[in-house]
Amino acid sequence: MTRAEAPVQDRIVHIASSDKAMQAAIKQAQQTLPGFLELAANPPAGTEGYKLKVEITDANGAEHFWVSPFKIVRGGFMGVIANTPQIVKNVKLGQVVQFKRARISDWGYVRNGRQVGSFTVCVMMKKVPQAEADRYRREFGFDC
């Protein structure tokens, strides 16, 4: 495993685990994961930045991290933490982690400058100030 790609510009937005929109986004990500993994294994021209979002827990709580790059390994996945932890203390930016498919909460990549996937990010954009959501759309290519 190599070092992390450019760290993901992401901030924590606290959303209850019971939030219906977030639950639906995670379900959508998990249901569409096989197609994403097929693309990631043989990326088409014009695509880049393939990443998984993974839940990591410790005694301090739970936090979801983008992991990039990543690969499939025996028993699950392995990848590099691409965010600086703000809640959990058992991982750090750039650390290689192994995880099971059940811990994947989202996936994403960039196609021709626009974000694909990142379902949970679209839910979070509804919870932040409009100006911040507009900046994410403009700077990172989100269409939600």
Protein backbone atom coordinates (compact mmCIF):
# COMPACT_ATOMS: atom_id res chain seq x y z
CA MET A 1 0.00 0.00 0.00
CA THR A 2 1.34 3.44 -0.81
CA ARG A 3 0.80 6.75 0.92
CA ALA A 4 -2.59 8.42 0.88
CA GLU A 5 -3.68 10.42 -2.09
CA ALA A 6 -4.23 14.11 -1.36
CA PRO A 7 -6.06 14.38 1.98
CA VAL A 8 -9.80 14.75 1.57
CA GLN A 9 -11.13 18.16 2.55
CA ASP A 10 -13.83 16.94 4.87
CA ARG A 11 -15.19 18.14 8.16
CA ILE A 12 -17.27 16.31 10.66
CA VAL A 13 -20.98 16.93 10.44
CA HIS A 14 -22.71 15.19 13.33
CA ILE A 15 -25.72 13.24 12.12
CA ALA A 16 -27.59 10.82 14.35
CA SER A 17 -27.29 7.17 13.40
CA SER A 18 -31.10 7.13 13.38
CA ASP A 19 -31.27 9.80 10.62
CA LYS A 20 -33.45 8.30 7.87
CA ALA A 21 -31.78 10.18 5.00
CA MET A 22 -28.32 9.05 6.12
CA GLN A 23 -29.50 5.47 6.56
CA ALA A 24 -30.90 5.56 3.01
CA ALA A 25 -27.64 7.00 1.63
CA ILE A 26 -25.58 4.26 3.29
CA LYS A 27 -27.98 1.60 2.03
CA GLN A 28 -27.72 3.00 -1.50
CA ALA A 29 -23.92 3.00 -1.28
CA GLN A 30 -23.85 -0.60 -0.07
CA GLN A 31 -26.31 -1.78 -2.73
CA THR A 32 -24.33 -0.16 -5.55
CA LEU A 33 -20.89 -1.13 -4.19
CA PRO A 34 -20.39 -4.11 -6.55
CA GLY A 35 -20.66 -1.90 -9.65
CA PHE A 36 -18.32 0.65 -8.11
CA LEU A 37 -15.73 -2.04 -7.32
CA GLU A 38 -15.90 -3.28 -10.92
CA LEU A 39 -15.17 0.24 -12.18
CA ALA A 40 -12.38 0.74 -9.64
CA ALA A 41 -10.72 -2.49 -10.79
CA ASN A 42 -10.55 -1.21 -14.37
CA PRO A 43 -11.05 2.58 -14.30
CA PRO A 44 -12.46 4.03 -17.52
CA ALA A 45 -10.80 7.04 -19.16
CA GLY A 46 -11.83 10.32 -17.55
CA THR A 47 -12.20 8.85 -14.06
CA GLU A 48 -10.00 9.19 -10.98
CA GLY A 49 -9.98 9.45 -7.20
CA TYR A 50 -11.65 6.15 -6.34
CA LYS A 51 -12.34 6.03 -2.60
CA LEU A 52 -14.34 4.21 0.04
CA LYS A 53 -15.84 5.70 3.19
CA VAL A 54 -15.35 3.41 6.18
CA GLU A 55 -16.66 3.51 9.73
CA ILE A 56 -13.94 3.25 12.39
CA THR A 57 -14.86 2.95 16.07
CA ASP A 58 -13.03 3.06 19.38
CA ALA A 59 -13.85 3.95 22.98
CA ASN A 60 -14.35 7.60 21.93
CA GLY A 61 -17.12 6.82 19.44
CA ALA A 62 -17.49 6.30 15.70
CA GLU A 63 -16.14 8.27 12.77
CA HIS A 64 -16.37 7.74 9.01
CA PHE A 65 -13.18 8.14 6.97
CA TRP A 66 -12.44 8.27 3.29
CA VAL A 67 -9.93 5.56 2.43
CA SER A 68 -7.83 6.07 -0.68
CA PRO A 69 -6.13 4.29 -2.26
CA PHE A 70 -7.73 0.97 -1.37
CA LYS A 71 -7.58 -2.62 -2.56
CA ILE A 72 -9.44 -5.86 -2.04
CA VAL A 73 -7.57 -8.35 0.12
CA ARG A 74 -8.38 -11.75 1.58
CA GLY A 75 -11.20 -11.26 4.05
CA GLY A 76 -12.06 -7.68 3.07
CA PHE A 77 -10.28 -4.51 2.08
CA MET A 78 -7.14 -2.53 2.86
CA GLY A 79 -6.59 1.16 2.34
CA VAL A 80 -5.07 4.42 3.51
CA ILE A 81 -6.94 6.80 5.86
CA ALA A 82 -7.39 10.08 3.94
CA ASN A 83 -8.87 12.28 6.69
CA THR A 84 -7.47 13.59 9.95
CA PRO A 85 -9.33 11.92 12.84
CA GLN A 86 -11.37 14.23 15.03
CA ILE A 87 -13.18 11.73 17.27
CA VAL A 88 -11.48 8.34 17.27
CA LYS A 89 -7.89 7.96 18.41
CA ASN A 90 -7.06 4.49 17.06
CA VAL A 91 -6.17 5.66 13.52
CA LYS A 92 -4.31 8.57 11.96
CA LEU A 93 -4.06 10.28 8.59
CA GLY A 94 -2.03 8.11 6.22
CA GLN A 95 -2.39 4.93 8.25
CA VAL A 96 -3.08 1.68 6.39
CA VAL A 97 -6.18 -0.06 7.75
CA GLN A 98 -7.96 -3.34 7.02
CA PHE A 99 -11.74 -3.53 7.12
CA LYS A 100 -14.72 -5.65 6.20
CA ARG A 101 -17.34 -4.77 3.61
CA ALA A 102 -19.92 -4.22 6.38
CA ARG A 103 -17.92 -1.16 7.55
CA ILE A 104 -18.19 0.58 4.16
CA SER A 105 -20.66 3.46 4.38
CA ASP A 106 -20.03 5.15 1.03
CA TRP A 107 -17.95 5.21 -2.12
CA GLY A 108 -17.02 7.82 -4.67
CA TYR A 109 -14.89 8.82 -7.60
CA VAL A 110 -14.55 11.69 -10.06
CA ARG A 111 -15.71 11.41 -13.68
CA ASN A 112 -14.84 14.30 -15.97
CA GLY A 113 -14.48 16.67 -13.02
CA ARG A 114 -17.80 15.72 -11.36
CA GLN A 115 -18.34 13.59 -8.25
CA VAL A 116 -20.03 10.22 -8.64
CA GLY A 117 -21.39 8.40 -5.59
CA SER A 118 -20.61 10.15 -2.29
CA PHE A 119 -24.22 9.63 -1.24
CA THR A 120 -23.53 10.49 2.41
CA VAL A 121 -21.91 13.78 1.40
CA CYS A 122 -25.14 14.80 -0.33
CA VAL A 123 -27.04 14.16 2.91
CA MET A 124 -24.47 16.18 4.89
CA MET A 125 -24.80 19.10 2.47
CA LYS A 126 -28.39 19.50 3.60
CA LYS A 127 -27.18 19.91 7.21
CA VAL A 128 -24.57 22.63 6.69
CA PRO A 129 -25.04 26.32 5.89
CA GLN A 130 -26.06 26.97 2.26
CA ALA A 131 -22.85 28.90 1.52
CA GLU A 132 -20.73 25.95 2.64
CA ALA A 133 -22.77 23.49 0.56
CA ASP A 134 -22.49 25.78 -2.47
CA ARG A 135 -18.70 25.93 -2.01
CA TYR A 136 -18.48 22.11 -1.92
CA ARG A 137 -20.53 21.89 -5.08
CA ARG A 138 -18.39 24.46 -6.84
CA GLU A 139 -14.93 23.39 -5.63
CA PHE A 140 -15.35 19.61 -5.54
CA GLY A 141 -17.84 18.97 -8.35
CA PHE A 142 -20.88 17.78 -6.42
CA ASP A 143 -24.22 17.82 -8.24
CA CYS A 144 -26.43 17.25 -5.20
